[in-house]
Amino acid sequence: MSLSLLNKLGKYLSPIIVEEIEEGGEIYFDKNEISLLLSHLKSEFEFLVLLDICAEDLLGKKNAEERQSHRYEIVYHLLNLEEHTRLRVRLPTDGVEPILSVREVFLNGDWYEQEIWDMYGIKFSDQSDLRVLNHQSFIGFPLRKDFINESNGSTQEPYDFFDEQESVQVVERGLRSIVNIGPVHPITRGSVRSIFELDGEKIVRNKFEIGYTHKAIEKIFEEKTWTTGILLAEQLSDQSPFLSSLAYVNAVEKLYDLEIPDRAMALRMVFSELSRIVDHLNCIGELSLSSGNETILFKCLDLRERIYELFEKATGSRTKANINIIGGLSLDLPIGWIADCIIHIDYIEDNLLMLDKLLTRSKVWMARTNVCKITSHMALEYGLSGPSLRASGINYDLRKASPYYFYNDVDFEIPLGVNGHCYDRYLVRIEEIRQSLKIIVQVLDNLPFGDCVATHPLTELFHAKSPQQFSTAEDFVKNKITPPSKRIYSSIEAANGELGFYLISDGSSKPWRVKVRAPSFTHIQVLAQVLPGLILDDALVGFSSLNITPGELDR
């Protein structure tokens, strides 16, 4: 595919280097032609989705390639939905002169470019100095290799979120009001601040301020070994931490070319689908709460507790299983767990039918959730994935498009919406719960025998340590299990969409760069486009329907 792509691109542009990679191809390009290149890739080669834009600081990197004569690299991750093909475009830059922006080609480009400016100080053309993840008085750019934290206070001077609209008369501007919700609010489930400009109850403009958590997860990754990064990955989601750690260990196993046993793959599927159900139940419960229906919330919490009981019996923890390790799982199923799981599945199926009867055909529920329409075109332009993408009618699920583990061997359907409203997002999630239950039953009926962890020095080293004493950098060097010097991208179908990890290794025991492609960080940007014109209550419904997870909004 890469060679054919290059031959066609040669009519327009002259790429420098192309590398064969598993995802499809990688192009190393000149910054003066990047906007034109991405435009052709989108219009001529159907790379309609910009998944992410990532930056890398090359300062002090070992084994740097000769062509990497610049301080930074910008990496564009593109996706062709029709052919399930991925492409990475790498762009060298010295970080001094602004880079051509791609916001005219991909609408979500501006959001990703703003993140790079905030974390690296790399400017793009016609870009504002507004920080996204750090407060406005923050000093420095934290993901640079030479960053030193110099007395950065947590306070900031107030600033105007909305520019004055010259087309609006002074009298009309005086009638408008600014409403602030958060950063602590029950609907947001964490630290997300919402700012609305209202004309009466009607939303005129809105913005969302993120970055209050400040876990600095991508920075800390660079100081940890490959194994200790698992605990960091779990911090991305408080709803489905198993899926977050799974995405990370998948990426590291791909980096090491490590095959895991069949039983480990099957059990990871079971716990993944249980985590997906928990996440969807939380979303439906909070959506009903924001719509004024507390009864449904309590029923969703009851069903969630049933799954937490299964996690507790299998792992000892109700919410954070913490059993994913590089090479498999740290624990096998206890005796009697499968029988308990089938009992709970039957209970959930019966109660899910009751929820369906209470909500799906309710005229009040349908009217209340018939808001915040996201068209299929808008969903693609802003890089949406998961239930939010499928609710807009786009049939794309990584479990079908790029099957991993045994998803290719189980029978399940991909539910799709039509209009892209909150109601469609609800329908997709409640049907996905049914499909997840179906997957779990099939996997448990055909559960392979054997070990849950691969025989590999890395896993043996991990098991040799106590939970309080994980592997150190010296252990990696002594046992000669450092990974090859390369870069990989690996993703899974998490509850909210595509959760990916872009790993860059310099051949040492620590990651050189870990970039998290989190669905919530991508999804929150679309709210500014769909909420204007609605009333304030509808904004809370729209926020809940996208199931924004604050932990994924952090860097």
Protein backbone atom coordinates (compact mmCIF):
# COMPACT_ATOMS: atom_id res chain seq x y z
CA MET A 1 0.00 0.00 0.00
CA SER A 2 2.78 2.45 0.86
CA LEU A 3 4.55 2.08 -2.48
CA SER A 4 1.33 2.62 -4.42
CA LEU A 5 0.52 5.59 -2.26
CA LEU A 6 3.94 7.11 -2.89
CA ASN A 7 3.68 6.66 -6.64
CA LYS A 8 0.40 8.53 -6.68
CA LEU A 9 1.62 11.20 -4.29
CA GLY A 10 4.62 11.76 -6.53
CA LYS A 11 2.34 13.64 -8.90
CA TYR A 12 1.87 16.30 -6.26
CA LEU A 13 4.73 16.17 -3.78
CA SER A 14 8.11 14.58 -3.10
CA PRO A 15 8.31 12.69 0.19
CA ILE A 16 11.77 12.03 1.59
CA ILE A 17 11.49 8.61 3.19
CA VAL A 18 8.83 5.96 3.57
CA GLU A 19 9.08 3.12 6.06
CA GLU A 20 7.08 -0.08 5.97
CA ILE A 21 5.17 -0.48 9.21
CA GLU A 22 2.36 -2.74 10.27
CA GLU A 23 -0.27 -0.02 10.27
CA GLY A 24 0.22 0.65 6.55
CA GLY A 25 2.99 3.18 6.05
CA GLU A 26 4.99 6.06 7.42
CA ILE A 27 5.97 9.18 5.49
CA TYR A 28 8.73 11.55 6.53
CA PHE A 29 7.89 14.96 5.10
CA ASP A 30 8.90 18.60 4.79
CA LYS A 31 7.00 21.14 6.88
CA ASN A 32 6.44 23.55 3.99
CA GLU A 33 4.24 21.01 2.22
CA ILE A 34 2.44 19.38 5.14
CA SER A 35 -0.92 21.07 4.67
CA LEU A 36 -0.97 20.22 0.95
CA LEU A 37 0.07 16.64 1.68
CA LEU A 38 -2.68 16.04 4.22
CA SER A 39 -5.21 17.65 1.90
CA HIS A 40 -4.34 15.15 -0.85
CA LEU A 41 -4.29 12.24 1.58
CA LYS A 42 -7.79 13.21 2.66
CA SER A 43 -9.36 13.96 -0.72
CA GLU A 44 -7.56 11.48 -2.98
CA PHE A 45 -6.76 8.57 -0.66
CA GLU A 46 -9.72 8.65 1.75
CA PHE A 47 -7.73 9.30 4.93
CA LEU A 48 -10.75 11.10 6.36
CA VAL A 49 -9.88 10.92 10.05
CA LEU A 50 -7.07 12.71 11.85
CA LEU A 51 -6.71 10.55 14.94
CA ASP A 52 -4.05 12.57 16.70
CA ILE A 53 -1.08 14.91 16.36
CA CYS A 54 1.89 14.02 18.54
CA ALA A 55 5.14 15.86 19.24
CA GLU A 56 8.50 14.39 20.22
CA ASP A 57 11.53 16.12 21.70
CA LEU A 58 14.77 14.59 20.32
CA LEU A 59 17.08 16.36 22.78
CA GLY A 60 19.57 13.81 24.15
CA LYS A 61 17.96 10.85 22.43
CA LYS A 62 20.22 7.83 21.94
CA ASN A 63 20.52 6.16 18.54
CA ALA A 64 18.94 9.15 16.83
CA GLU A 65 18.73 8.67 13.10
CA GLU A 66 20.89 10.84 10.87
CA ARG A 67 17.92 12.58 9.29
CA GLN A 68 16.77 13.73 12.73
CA SER A 69 18.84 16.88 12.69
CA HIS A 70 16.06 18.95 14.19
CA ARG A 71 15.06 19.36 17.83
CA TYR A 72 11.45 18.15 17.43
CA GLU A 73 9.23 15.95 15.33
CA ILE A 74 5.51 16.31 14.75
CA VAL A 75 3.67 13.07 13.94
CA TYR A 76 0.23 13.07 12.29
CA HIS A 77 -1.84 9.89 12.74
CA LEU A 78 -4.31 9.32 9.88
CA LEU A 79 -6.99 6.68 9.39
CA ASN A 80 -8.71 5.35 6.27
CA LEU A 81 -11.99 3.89 7.53
CA GLU A 82 -12.91 2.19 4.27
CA GLU A 83 -9.73 0.12 3.98
CA HIS A 84 -8.90 0.08 7.73
CA THR A 85 -5.51 1.54 6.88
CA ARG A 86 -3.38 3.75 9.09
CA LEU A 87 -0.66 6.17 8.10
CA ARG A 88 1.83 8.23 10.07
CA VAL A 89 3.27 11.43 8.65
CA ARG A 90 6.41 12.61 10.41
CA LEU A 91 7.44 16.24 10.22
CA PRO A 92 10.82 17.57 11.47
CA THR A 93 10.96 21.06 12.96
CA ASP A 94 13.36 23.20 14.95
CA GLY A 95 10.51 24.63 17.02
CA VAL A 96 11.43 28.22 16.13
CA GLU A 97 9.43 29.03 13.02
CA PRO A 98 5.68 28.36 13.08
CA ILE A 99 4.43 25.26 11.28
CA LEU A 100 1.64 25.43 8.75
CA SER A 101 -1.60 24.59 10.49
CA VAL A 102 -3.83 21.80 9.20
CA ARG A 103 -7.00 23.20 10.78
CA GLU A 104 -8.32 24.05 7.30
CA VAL A 105 -7.97 20.40 6.27
CA PHE A 106 -9.14 18.72 9.50
CA LEU A 107 -11.39 20.64 11.89
CA ASN A 108 -9.90 18.88 14.92
CA GLY A 109 -6.37 19.89 13.90
CA ASP A 110 -6.63 23.14 15.86
CA TRP A 111 -7.37 21.26 19.13
CA TYR A 112 -4.36 18.97 18.76
CA GLU A 113 -2.09 21.84 17.70
CA GLN A 114 -3.14 23.83 20.76
CA GLU A 115 -2.13 20.87 22.94
CA ILE A 116 1.33 20.73 21.30
CA TRP A 117 1.83 24.46 21.85
CA ASP A 118 0.84 24.08 25.49
CA MET A 119 3.15 21.13 26.20
CA TYR A 120 6.10 21.83 23.85
CA GLY A 121 5.93 25.50 22.90
CA ILE A 122 5.84 24.66 19.18
CA LYS A 123 3.73 27.25 17.37
CA PHE A 124 1.48 26.74 14.37
CA SER A 125 0.40 29.46 11.97
CA ASP A 126 -2.21 31.93 13.29
CA GLN A 127 -2.37 30.16 16.65
CA SER A 128 -3.46 31.78 19.90
CA ASP A 129 -1.40 31.64 23.09
CA LEU A 130 -4.31 30.21 25.07
CA ARG A 131 -3.21 27.17 27.06
CA VAL A 132 -5.37 24.06 27.04
CA LEU A 133 -3.95 21.82 29.78
CA ASN A 134 -2.01 24.26 31.97
CA HIS A 135 -3.16 27.50 33.59
CA GLN A 136 -2.40 30.71 31.76
CA SER A 137 0.37 31.83 34.12
CA PHE A 138 2.22 28.51 33.86
CA ILE A 139 5.94 28.94 33.12
CA GLY A 140 7.59 26.66 30.55
CA PHE A 141 6.54 23.69 28.46
CA PRO A 142 6.41 20.51 30.56
CA LEU A 143 7.01 17.80 27.95
CA ARG A 144 10.30 19.26 26.77
CA LYS A 145 13.27 17.16 27.86
CA ASP A 146 14.99 20.18 29.44
CA PHE A 147 11.92 21.39 31.33
CA ILE A 148 12.52 22.52 34.91
CA ASN A 149 9.55 23.22 37.15
CA GLU A 150 10.17 26.78 38.33
CA SER A 151 7.70 27.98 40.99
CA ASN A 152 4.55 27.38 38.97
CA GLY A 153 1.69 28.49 41.17
CA SER A 154 -1.76 27.00 40.93
CA THR A 155 -3.53 30.36 40.68
CA GLN A 156 -4.14 32.31 37.54
CA GLU A 157 -5.44 35.71 36.59
CA PRO A 158 -9.01 35.74 35.27
CA TYR A 159 -9.31 36.23 31.56
CA ASP A 160 -12.10 36.60 29.04
CA PHE A 161 -13.09 33.37 27.37
CA PHE A 162 -15.28 35.00 24.74
CA ASP A 163 -14.23 37.77 22.36
CA GLU A 164 -16.66 40.59 21.83
CA GLN A 165 -18.81 40.11 18.75
CA GLU A 166 -18.83 43.39 16.79
CA SER A 167 -21.89 42.26 14.83
CA VAL A 168 -23.95 42.12 18.05
CA GLN A 169 -25.39 45.40 19.26
CA VAL A 170 -24.28 46.79 22.61
CA VAL A 171 -27.78 46.57 24.07
CA GLU A 172 -28.08 42.91 23.12
CA ARG A 173 -24.64 42.11 24.57
CA GLY A 174 -25.74 43.68 27.83
CA LEU A 175 -28.64 41.25 28.09
CA ARG A 176 -26.39 38.22 27.88
CA SER A 177 -24.97 36.47 30.91
CA ILE A 178 -22.01 34.21 31.62
CA VAL A 179 -22.71 31.01 33.55
CA ASN A 180 -19.91 28.91 35.01
CA ILE A 181 -20.44 25.21 35.84
CA GLY A 182 -17.60 23.41 37.55
CA PRO A 183 -14.79 22.59 37.73
CA VAL A 184 -16.51 20.47 40.39
CA HIS A 185 -19.99 19.40 39.36
CA PRO A 186 -21.87 16.08 39.68
CA ILE A 187 -22.48 15.77 35.94
CA THR A 188 -18.80 16.14 34.99
CA ARG A 189 -17.65 13.34 37.38
CA GLY A 190 -14.43 15.28 37.91
CA SER A 191 -12.58 18.50 37.22
CA VAL A 192 -14.00 19.99 34.03
CA ARG A 193 -15.12 23.61 33.87
CA SER A 194 -17.91 24.64 31.52
CA ILE A 195 -18.43 28.30 30.57
CA PHE A 196 -21.63 29.31 28.79
CA GLU A 197 -22.69 32.64 27.32
CA LEU A 198 -26.48 32.72 27.55
CA ASP A 199 -29.20 34.82 26.00
CA GLY A 200 -31.92 34.03 28.49
CA GLU A 201 -31.70 30.24 28.72
CA LYS A 202 -30.41 29.84 25.18
CA ILE A 203 -26.71 29.04 24.72
CA VAL A 204 -24.95 31.50 22.43
CA ARG A 205 -21.38 30.31 22.91
CA ASN A 206 -19.66 27.81 25.16
CA LYS A 207 -16.17 26.62 26.04
CA PHE A 208 -14.74 23.89 28.23
CA GLU A 209 -11.65 24.30 30.38
CA ILE A 210 -9.74 21.12 31.19
CA GLY A 211 -6.41 20.26 32.82
CA TYR A 212 -7.39 20.70 36.46
CA THR A 213 -6.24 17.23 37.45
CA HIS A 214 -2.55 17.73 36.58
CA LYS A 215 -1.45 14.12 36.94
CA ALA A 216 1.31 14.79 34.38
CA ILE A 217 0.87 11.22 33.23
CA GLU A 218 2.85 11.44 29.97
CA LYS A 219 5.76 13.16 31.73
CA ILE A 220 5.87 10.55 34.49
CA PHE A 221 5.83 7.74 31.91
CA GLU A 222 9.29 8.90 30.81
CA GLU A 223 10.68 8.34 34.30
CA LYS A 224 9.18 4.87 34.83
CA THR A 225 10.13 1.47 33.48
CA TRP A 226 7.95 -0.29 30.94
CA THR A 227 6.31 -2.42 33.63
CA THR A 228 5.57 0.29 36.18
CA GLY A 229 3.77 2.27 33.49
CA ILE A 230 0.81 -0.12 33.86
CA LEU A 231 -0.27 1.56 37.09
CA LEU A 232 -0.08 4.96 35.40
CA ALA A 233 -2.25 3.81 32.50
CA GLU A 234 -5.00 2.75 34.90
CA GLN A 235 -5.31 6.35 36.08
CA LEU A 236 -6.82 7.37 32.75
CA SER A 237 -10.29 6.10 33.64
CA ASP A 238 -12.12 5.63 36.90
CA GLN A 239 -14.93 3.81 35.08
CA SER A 240 -13.02 1.17 33.13
CA PRO A 241 -9.37 1.15 34.32
CA PHE A 242 -8.91 -2.42 33.07
CA LEU A 243 -9.34 -1.22 29.48
CA SER A 244 -6.83 1.60 30.02
CA SER A 245 -4.13 -0.75 31.32
CA LEU A 246 -5.00 -3.27 28.60
CA ALA A 247 -4.34 -0.72 25.87
CA TYR A 248 -0.93 0.02 27.39
CA VAL A 249 0.23 -3.58 27.90
CA ASN A 250 -0.96 -4.40 24.38
CA ALA A 251 1.31 -1.67 23.05
CA VAL A 252 4.32 -2.82 25.10
CA GLU A 253 3.79 -6.44 24.05
CA LYS A 254 3.74 -5.27 20.45
CA LEU A 255 6.95 -3.34 21.07
CA TYR A 256 8.62 -6.50 22.46
CA ASP A 257 6.98 -8.79 19.83
CA LEU A 258 5.67 -10.80 22.77
CA GLU A 259 2.94 -13.41 22.22
CA ILE A 260 0.63 -14.11 25.16
CA PRO A 261 -1.15 -17.43 25.89
CA ASP A 262 -4.63 -18.14 24.51
CA ARG A 263 -6.13 -18.28 27.98
CA ALA A 264 -4.81 -14.83 28.80
CA MET A 265 -6.29 -13.44 25.58
CA ALA A 266 -9.68 -15.00 26.33
CA LEU A 267 -9.78 -13.73 29.91
CA ARG A 268 -8.73 -10.27 28.79
CA MET A 269 -11.75 -10.30 26.46
CA VAL A 270 -14.05 -11.28 29.34
CA PHE A 271 -12.80 -8.53 31.65
CA SER A 272 -12.78 -6.03 28.78
CA GLU A 273 -16.45 -6.63 28.04
CA LEU A 274 -17.35 -6.49 31.73
CA SER A 275 -15.55 -3.15 31.95
CA ARG A 276 -17.37 -1.93 28.83
CA ILE A 277 -20.71 -2.80 30.46
CA VAL A 278 -19.78 -0.88 33.63
CA ASP A 279 -18.82 2.17 31.59
CA HIS A 280 -22.01 2.09 29.53
CA LEU A 281 -24.18 1.63 32.63
CA ASN A 282 -22.54 4.68 34.22
CA CYS A 283 -23.17 6.69 31.07
CA ILE A 284 -26.84 5.69 30.83
CA GLY A 285 -27.33 6.34 34.54
CA GLU A 286 -25.80 9.81 34.38
CA LEU A 287 -27.69 10.60 31.19
CA SER A 288 -30.94 9.71 32.96
CA LEU A 289 -29.92 11.78 36.00
CA SER A 290 -29.22 14.85 33.85
CA SER A 291 -32.66 14.27 32.29
CA GLY A 292 -34.35 14.22 35.71
CA ASN A 293 -34.83 10.46 36.11
CA GLU A 294 -33.09 9.25 39.27
CA THR A 295 -34.78 5.84 39.29
CA ILE A 296 -32.86 4.67 36.23
CA LEU A 297 -29.60 5.85 37.80
CA PHE A 298 -30.11 3.66 40.86
CA LYS A 299 -30.98 0.64 38.72
CA CYS A 300 -27.81 1.17 36.64
CA LEU A 301 -25.78 1.39 39.85
CA ASP A 302 -27.33 -1.88 41.03
CA LEU A 303 -26.29 -3.64 37.81
CA ARG A 304 -22.84 -2.09 38.06
CA GLU A 305 -22.42 -3.49 41.57
CA ARG A 306 -23.08 -6.98 40.21
CA ILE A 307 -20.09 -6.65 37.92
CA TYR A 308 -17.96 -5.15 40.68
CA GLU A 309 -18.68 -8.28 42.70
CA LEU A 310 -17.24 -10.37 39.85
CA PHE A 311 -14.11 -8.21 39.77
CA GLU A 312 -13.73 -8.50 43.53
CA LYS A 313 -14.02 -12.30 43.48
CA ALA A 314 -11.48 -12.58 40.68
CA THR A 315 -8.93 -9.92 41.66
CA GLY A 316 -9.68 -8.72 45.20
CA SER A 317 -10.52 -5.22 43.97
CA ARG A 318 -13.95 -3.93 42.99
CA THR A 319 -12.97 -1.11 40.65
CA LYS A 320 -9.29 -1.37 39.70
CA ALA A 321 -8.55 -4.97 38.82
CA ASN A 322 -4.79 -4.32 38.34
CA ILE A 323 -4.18 -7.81 36.89
CA ASN A 324 -2.85 -6.82 33.47
CA ILE A 325 0.87 -7.43 33.19
CA ILE A 326 3.18 -7.46 30.20
CA GLY A 327 2.80 -10.98 28.88
CA GLY A 328 -0.66 -11.84 30.17
CA LEU A 329 -2.54 -11.73 33.47
CA SER A 330 -1.14 -11.97 36.99
CA LEU A 331 -4.08 -14.10 38.22
CA ASP A 332 -6.25 -16.93 36.92
CA LEU A 333 -9.94 -17.32 37.67
CA PRO A 334 -10.84 -18.71 41.10
CA ILE A 335 -12.96 -21.83 41.44
CA GLY A 336 -16.65 -21.13 40.90
CA TRP A 337 -16.15 -17.74 39.26
CA ILE A 338 -17.54 -18.79 35.87
CA ALA A 339 -20.77 -20.07 37.45
CA ASP A 340 -21.15 -16.79 39.37
CA CYS A 341 -20.53 -14.84 36.19
CA ILE A 342 -23.31 -16.68 34.31
CA ILE A 343 -25.74 -15.98 37.18
CA HIS A 344 -24.93 -12.28 37.13
CA ILE A 345 -25.20 -12.17 33.33
CA ASP A 346 -28.73 -13.60 33.51
CA TYR A 347 -29.64 -11.00 36.14
CA ILE A 348 -28.24 -8.15 34.05
CA GLU A 349 -30.06 -9.34 30.92
CA ASP A 350 -33.40 -9.43 32.74
CA ASN A 351 -32.97 -5.97 34.24
CA LEU A 352 -31.66 -4.55 30.98
CA LEU A 353 -34.93 -5.56 29.39
CA MET A 354 -36.74 -3.62 32.11
CA LEU A 355 -34.58 -0.53 31.46
CA ASP A 356 -35.35 -0.87 27.77
CA LYS A 357 -39.09 -0.90 28.44
CA LEU A 358 -38.89 2.09 30.77
CA LEU A 359 -36.78 4.30 28.52
CA THR A 360 -36.57 3.35 24.87
CA ARG A 361 -40.22 4.00 23.92
CA SER A 362 -40.88 6.68 26.52
CA LYS A 363 -42.05 9.85 24.76
CA VAL A 364 -40.63 11.99 27.55
CA TRP A 365 -37.21 10.29 27.30
CA MET A 366 -37.18 10.51 23.50
CA ALA A 367 -38.04 14.19 23.55
CA ARG A 368 -35.52 14.94 26.30
CA THR A 369 -32.66 13.21 24.50
CA ASN A 370 -33.48 14.37 20.99
CA VAL A 371 -30.75 17.05 21.20
CA CYS A 372 -27.06 17.58 20.45
CA LYS A 373 -27.06 16.10 16.97
CA ILE A 374 -23.64 15.11 15.64
CA THR A 375 -23.77 14.38 11.93
CA SER A 376 -21.61 11.70 10.34
CA HIS A 377 -19.56 14.40 8.59
CA MET A 378 -18.96 16.24 11.86
CA ALA A 379 -18.07 12.99 13.65
CA LEU A 380 -15.38 12.22 11.07
CA GLU A 381 -14.03 15.78 10.95
CA TYR A 382 -13.57 15.88 14.71
CA GLY A 383 -12.13 12.37 14.97
CA LEU A 384 -14.89 10.80 17.06
CA SER A 385 -14.79 7.07 17.70
CA GLY A 386 -16.63 4.39 19.64
CA PRO A 387 -20.37 4.68 20.44
CA SER A 388 -20.37 8.41 19.63
CA LEU A 389 -19.15 7.69 16.09
CA ARG A 390 -21.44 4.71 15.56
CA ALA A 391 -24.45 6.70 16.83
CA SER A 392 -23.88 9.01 13.85
CA GLY A 393 -24.19 6.07 11.46
CA ILE A 394 -20.50 5.27 10.86
CA ASN A 395 -19.88 1.52 11.10
CA TYR A 396 -16.41 1.33 12.61
CA ASP A 397 -15.39 -0.80 15.57
CA LEU A 398 -11.81 -1.97 16.09
CA ARG A 399 -13.08 -5.34 17.31
CA LYS A 400 -14.42 -5.90 13.78
CA ALA A 401 -12.20 -3.69 11.62
CA SER A 402 -8.87 -4.78 13.16
CA PRO A 403 -9.72 -7.81 15.33
CA TYR A 404 -7.42 -8.57 18.24
CA TYR A 405 -7.44 -11.59 20.55
CA PHE A 406 -10.43 -13.82 19.58
CA TYR A 407 -12.89 -11.12 18.52
CA ASN A 408 -12.73 -12.50 15.01
CA ASP A 409 -14.04 -15.86 16.30
CA VAL A 410 -17.05 -14.70 18.33
CA ASP A 411 -20.46 -13.72 16.99
CA PHE A 412 -21.64 -10.21 17.81
CA GLU A 413 -23.23 -7.25 16.05
CA ILE A 414 -22.23 -3.59 15.84
CA PRO A 415 -25.23 -1.36 16.68
CA LEU A 416 -25.55 1.85 14.68
CA GLY A 417 -27.53 5.04 15.14
CA VAL A 418 -29.18 7.17 12.48
CA ASN A 419 -29.44 10.79 13.57
CA GLY A 420 -26.51 11.18 15.96
CA HIS A 421 -28.64 12.57 18.80
CA CYS A 422 -28.21 11.78 22.49
CA TYR A 423 -31.03 9.28 22.00
CA ASP A 424 -28.99 7.43 19.37
CA ARG A 425 -25.98 7.37 21.67
CA TYR A 426 -28.18 5.86 24.37
CA LEU A 427 -29.55 3.22 21.97
CA VAL A 428 -26.06 2.25 20.80
CA ARG A 429 -24.79 1.83 24.35
CA ILE A 430 -27.70 -0.23 25.63
CA GLU A 431 -27.42 -2.55 22.64
CA GLU A 432 -23.65 -2.80 23.07
CA ILE A 433 -24.28 -4.03 26.62
CA ARG A 434 -26.32 -6.89 25.18
CA GLN A 435 -23.60 -7.69 22.66
CA SER A 436 -20.94 -7.63 25.38
CA LEU A 437 -22.93 -10.13 27.44
CA LYS A 438 -23.17 -12.29 24.33
CA ILE A 439 -19.40 -12.16 23.82
CA ILE A 440 -18.70 -13.06 27.46
CA VAL A 441 -20.91 -16.16 27.31
CA GLN A 442 -19.25 -17.37 24.08
CA VAL A 443 -15.73 -16.88 25.45
CA LEU A 444 -16.51 -18.64 28.75
CA ASP A 445 -18.09 -21.55 26.86
CA ASN A 446 -14.85 -22.01 24.92
CA LEU A 447 -12.29 -20.89 27.50
CA PRO A 448 -8.84 -22.31 26.62
CA PHE A 449 -6.78 -24.22 29.15
CA GLY A 450 -3.20 -23.37 30.05
CA ASP A 451 -1.23 -20.59 31.68
CA CYS A 452 -2.28 -16.96 31.92
CA VAL A 453 1.19 -15.52 31.43
CA ALA A 454 3.83 -15.97 28.75
CA THR A 455 7.21 -17.51 29.48
CA HIS A 456 9.50 -14.54 29.01
CA PRO A 457 12.26 -12.89 31.09
CA LEU A 458 10.16 -9.74 31.35
CA THR A 459 7.20 -11.52 32.94
CA GLU A 460 9.49 -13.61 35.14
CA LEU A 461 11.13 -10.43 36.40
CA PHE A 462 7.74 -8.91 37.12
CA HIS A 463 6.57 -11.93 39.11
CA ALA A 464 9.82 -12.03 41.06
CA LYS A 465 9.01 -8.68 42.63
CA SER A 466 6.51 -7.94 45.34
CA PRO A 467 3.63 -5.56 44.48
CA GLN A 468 5.40 -2.76 46.39
CA GLN A 469 8.72 -3.31 44.61
CA PHE A 470 8.30 -3.30 40.87
CA SER A 471 11.05 -3.70 38.34
CA THR A 472 13.79 -1.08 38.29
CA ALA A 473 15.87 0.17 35.39
CA GLU A 474 18.85 -1.85 36.68
CA ASP A 475 16.79 -5.04 36.50
CA PHE A 476 16.13 -4.45 32.81
CA VAL A 477 19.79 -3.89 32.01
CA LYS A 478 20.98 -6.86 34.08
CA ASN A 479 18.49 -9.26 32.47
CA LYS A 480 19.03 -7.83 28.96
CA ILE A 481 15.32 -7.40 28.27
CA THR A 482 15.30 -3.84 26.99
CA PRO A 483 13.09 -3.36 23.93
CA PRO A 484 14.32 -2.55 20.41
CA SER A 485 14.74 1.03 19.39
CA LYS A 486 11.56 1.73 17.41
CA ARG A 487 8.17 3.37 17.52
CA ILE A 488 4.78 1.67 17.46
CA TYR A 489 1.12 2.63 17.76
CA SER A 490 -1.37 0.20 19.27
CA SER A 491 -5.03 0.75 20.08
CA ILE A 492 -8.08 -1.08 21.38
CA GLU A 493 -11.82 -0.46 21.25
CA ALA A 494 -12.37 0.99 24.71
CA ALA A 495 -15.79 1.86 26.09
CA ASN A 496 -15.67 5.43 24.75
CA GLY A 497 -13.82 4.72 21.52
CA GLU A 498 -10.30 4.20 20.24
CA LEU A 499 -7.82 4.27 23.10
CA GLY A 500 -4.30 4.15 21.68
CA PHE A 501 -0.72 4.38 22.91
CA TYR A 502 2.05 5.71 20.68
CA LEU A 503 5.30 4.36 22.15
CA ILE A 504 8.75 5.60 21.17
CA SER A 505 11.65 3.51 22.46
CA ASP A 506 15.33 4.44 22.32
CA GLY A 507 16.34 0.93 23.38
CA SER A 508 16.57 1.71 27.09
CA SER A 509 14.60 0.42 30.07
CA LYS A 510 12.42 3.56 30.10
CA PRO A 511 10.09 4.90 27.40
CA TRP A 512 11.46 7.84 25.49
CA ARG A 513 7.95 9.07 24.73
CA VAL A 514 4.46 7.78 25.53
CA LYS A 515 1.58 9.55 23.83
CA VAL A 516 -1.96 8.66 24.89
CA ARG A 517 -4.67 8.93 22.26
CA ALA A 518 -7.65 9.22 24.62
CA PRO A 519 -11.18 9.38 23.18
CA SER A 520 -12.54 11.87 25.75
CA PHE A 521 -9.85 14.42 24.86
CA THR A 522 -10.98 14.18 21.25
CA HIS A 523 -14.71 14.17 21.95
CA ILE A 524 -14.96 17.19 24.24
CA GLN A 525 -14.00 19.59 21.45
CA VAL A 526 -17.16 18.83 19.46
CA LEU A 527 -19.44 20.18 22.21
CA ALA A 528 -18.58 23.76 21.29
CA GLN A 529 -20.07 23.07 17.85
CA VAL A 530 -23.32 21.32 18.82
CA LEU A 531 -24.45 23.15 21.97
CA PRO A 532 -25.05 26.72 20.69
CA GLY A 533 -28.76 27.24 20.13
CA LEU A 534 -29.81 24.81 22.86
CA ILE A 535 -30.92 25.60 26.40
CA LEU A 536 -28.63 25.04 29.37
CA ASP A 537 -30.37 21.84 30.50
CA ASP A 538 -29.73 20.31 27.08
CA ALA A 539 -26.01 21.02 27.47
CA LEU A 540 -25.87 18.77 30.54
CA VAL A 541 -27.66 16.02 28.60
CA GLY A 542 -25.22 16.37 25.71
CA PHE A 543 -22.21 16.26 28.00
CA SER A 544 -23.48 13.10 29.70
CA SER A 545 -24.23 11.38 26.40
CA LEU A 546 -20.60 11.67 25.28
CA ASN A 547 -19.46 10.10 28.58
CA ILE A 548 -16.47 12.41 28.99
CA THR A 549 -13.93 10.91 31.41
CA PRO A 550 -11.85 13.66 33.10
CA GLY A 551 -8.89 11.33 33.60
CA GLU A 552 -8.49 11.14 29.82
CA LEU A 553 -8.32 14.94 29.57
CA ASP A 554 -5.00 15.07 31.38
CA ARG A 555 -1.42 15.01 30.07
